[in-house]
Amino acid sequence: MQIPIPLDLKLFLPYDRTMKDELFHEGQKIWLQLPEGQQRPAIYVGEGENATFFGGPPLVYIVLADTREGVEVELDRIVARND
């Protein structure tokens, strides 16, 4: 007989996914922050591969507005755009 062991899956996740999902939604206009302090307009697509499992930062997929190129970037490099 197996006894079910209750597991809190949050113990295995490096960050709370529901919190991140509230920051941006698919199709939202955003700015990509560049290292030189400049910004590029982009569109938020969704969450990226879970690099945080291996100690990396949370990643997201975006589409750059000027080139229509899809890229995966660190979550902290994007901010909401109001235009």
C-alpha atoms as a PDB file:
ATOM      1  CA  MET A   1       0.000   0.000   0.000  1.00  0.00           C
ATOM      2  CA  GLN A   2       1.361   3.398  -1.013  1.00  0.00           C
ATOM      3  CA  ILE A   3       0.776   6.330   1.240  1.00  0.00           C
ATOM      4  CA  PRO A   4       0.409   9.597  -0.688  1.00  0.00           C
ATOM      5  CA  ILE A   5       2.927  12.179   0.384  1.00  0.00           C
ATOM      6  CA  PRO A   6       1.642  15.720  -0.014  1.00  0.00           C
ATOM      7  CA  LEU A   7       4.203  17.848  -1.800  1.00  0.00           C
ATOM      8  CA  ASP A   8       4.126  21.573  -2.088  1.00  0.00           C
ATOM      9  CA  LEU A   9       5.393  22.055  -5.632  1.00  0.00           C
ATOM     10  CA  LYS A  10       6.325  25.627  -4.818  1.00  0.00           C
ATOM     11  CA  LEU A  11       9.267  24.201  -2.913  1.00  0.00           C
ATOM     12  CA  PHE A  12      10.711  23.042  -6.233  1.00  0.00           C
ATOM     13  CA  LEU A  13      10.111  26.258  -8.177  1.00  0.00           C
ATOM     14  CA  PRO A  14      12.653  29.069  -7.875  1.00  0.00           C
ATOM     15  CA  TYR A  15       9.998  31.763  -8.318  1.00  0.00           C
ATOM     16  CA  ASP A  16       6.227  32.070  -8.207  1.00  0.00           C
ATOM     17  CA  ARG A  17       4.918  31.674 -11.773  1.00  0.00           C
ATOM     18  CA  THR A  18       1.583  33.328 -10.972  1.00  0.00           C
ATOM     19  CA  MET A  19       3.348  36.502  -9.904  1.00  0.00           C
ATOM     20  CA  LYS A  20       5.260  36.694 -13.185  1.00  0.00           C
ATOM     21  CA  ASP A  21       2.133  36.039 -15.241  1.00  0.00           C
ATOM     22  CA  GLU A  22       0.505  39.117 -13.728  1.00  0.00           C
ATOM     23  CA  LEU A  23       3.294  41.412 -14.917  1.00  0.00           C
ATOM     24  CA  PHE A  24       2.769  40.910 -18.667  1.00  0.00           C
ATOM     25  CA  HIS A  25       0.207  39.347 -20.979  1.00  0.00           C
ATOM     26  CA  GLU A  26       0.534  37.957 -24.497  1.00  0.00           C
ATOM     27  CA  GLY A  27       0.479  40.744 -27.081  1.00  0.00           C
ATOM     28  CA  GLN A  28       1.353  43.490 -24.574  1.00  0.00           C
ATOM     29  CA  LYS A  29       3.572  46.296 -25.853  1.00  0.00           C
ATOM     30  CA  ILE A  30       6.864  46.441 -23.959  1.00  0.00           C
ATOM     31  CA  TRP A  31      10.299  48.019 -24.045  1.00  0.00           C
ATOM     32  CA  LEU A  32      13.427  45.877 -24.230  1.00  0.00           C
ATOM     33  CA  GLN A  33      16.120  47.519 -22.112  1.00  0.00           C
ATOM     34  CA  LEU A  34      19.498  47.414 -23.883  1.00  0.00           C
ATOM     35  CA  PRO A  35      22.852  47.378 -22.057  1.00  0.00           C
ATOM     36  CA  GLU A  36      23.740  50.848 -23.406  1.00  0.00           C
ATOM     37  CA  GLY A  37      20.692  52.336 -21.670  1.00  0.00           C
ATOM     38  CA  GLN A  38      18.630  52.465 -24.863  1.00  0.00           C
ATOM     39  CA  GLN A  39      15.254  50.826 -25.418  1.00  0.00           C
ATOM     40  CA  ARG A  40      13.727  48.896 -28.328  1.00  0.00           C
ATOM     41  CA  PRO A  41       9.971  48.471 -28.790  1.00  0.00           C
ATOM     42  CA  ALA A  42       8.770  44.880 -28.607  1.00  0.00           C
ATOM     43  CA  ILE A  43       5.721  42.692 -28.014  1.00  0.00           C
ATOM     44  CA  TYR A  44       5.494  40.190 -25.151  1.00  0.00           C
ATOM     45  CA  VAL A  45       4.837  36.610 -26.325  1.00  0.00           C
ATOM     46  CA  GLY A  46       5.157  34.466 -23.195  1.00  0.00           C
ATOM     47  CA  GLU A  47       7.441  32.815 -20.688  1.00  0.00           C
ATOM     48  CA  GLY A  48      10.684  31.285 -21.910  1.00  0.00           C
ATOM     49  CA  GLU A  49      12.522  28.138 -20.978  1.00  0.00           C
ATOM     50  CA  ASN A  50      12.879  27.714 -17.244  1.00  0.00           C
ATOM     51  CA  ALA A  51      16.540  28.626 -16.802  1.00  0.00           C
ATOM     52  CA  THR A  52      15.822  29.376 -13.141  1.00  0.00           C
ATOM     53  CA  PHE A  53      15.725  25.641 -12.474  1.00  0.00           C
ATOM     54  CA  PHE A  54      19.480  25.626 -13.147  1.00  0.00           C
ATOM     55  CA  GLY A  55      20.146  28.851 -11.254  1.00  0.00           C
ATOM     56  CA  GLY A  56      19.629  31.277 -14.141  1.00  0.00           C
ATOM     57  CA  PRO A  57      17.222  34.211 -14.418  1.00  0.00           C
ATOM     58  CA  PRO A  58      13.581  33.881 -15.557  1.00  0.00           C
ATOM     59  CA  LEU A  59      13.328  34.177 -19.345  1.00  0.00           C
ATOM     60  CA  VAL A  60      10.570  35.431 -21.659  1.00  0.00           C
ATOM     61  CA  TYR A  61       9.894  35.369 -25.388  1.00  0.00           C
ATOM     62  CA  ILE A  62       9.370  38.671 -27.168  1.00  0.00           C
ATOM     63  CA  VAL A  63       9.094  39.897 -30.757  1.00  0.00           C
ATOM     64  CA  LEU A  64      11.071  43.014 -31.638  1.00  0.00           C
ATOM     65  CA  ALA A  65       8.713  45.530 -33.244  1.00  0.00           C
ATOM     66  CA  ASP A  66      11.206  46.933 -35.758  1.00  0.00           C
ATOM     67  CA  THR A  67      12.585  43.650 -37.168  1.00  0.00           C
ATOM     68  CA  ARG A  68       9.772  41.212 -36.218  1.00  0.00           C
ATOM     69  CA  GLU A  69      12.496  38.904 -34.875  1.00  0.00           C
ATOM     70  CA  GLY A  70      11.570  36.607 -31.992  1.00  0.00           C
ATOM     71  CA  VAL A  71      14.078  36.458 -29.150  1.00  0.00           C
ATOM     72  CA  GLU A  72      14.355  35.043 -25.648  1.00  0.00           C
ATOM     73  CA  VAL A  73      15.510  37.569 -23.029  1.00  0.00           C
ATOM     74  CA  GLU A  74      15.772  37.879 -19.267  1.00  0.00           C
ATOM     75  CA  LEU A  75      12.531  38.977 -17.629  1.00  0.00           C
ATOM     76  CA  ASP A  76      14.189  41.918 -15.878  1.00  0.00           C
ATOM     77  CA  ARG A  77      15.201  43.420 -19.249  1.00  0.00           C
ATOM     78  CA  ILE A  78      11.630  44.288 -20.232  1.00  0.00           C
ATOM     79  CA  VAL A  79       9.219  46.953 -18.989  1.00  0.00           C
ATOM     80  CA  ALA A  80       5.638  47.815 -19.923  1.00  0.00           C
ATOM     81  CA  ARG A  81       5.137  50.406 -22.651  1.00  0.00           C
ATOM     82  CA  ASN A  82       2.276  52.916 -22.613  1.00  0.00           C
ATOM     83  CA  ASP A  83       1.565  54.107 -26.149  1.00  0.00           C
END
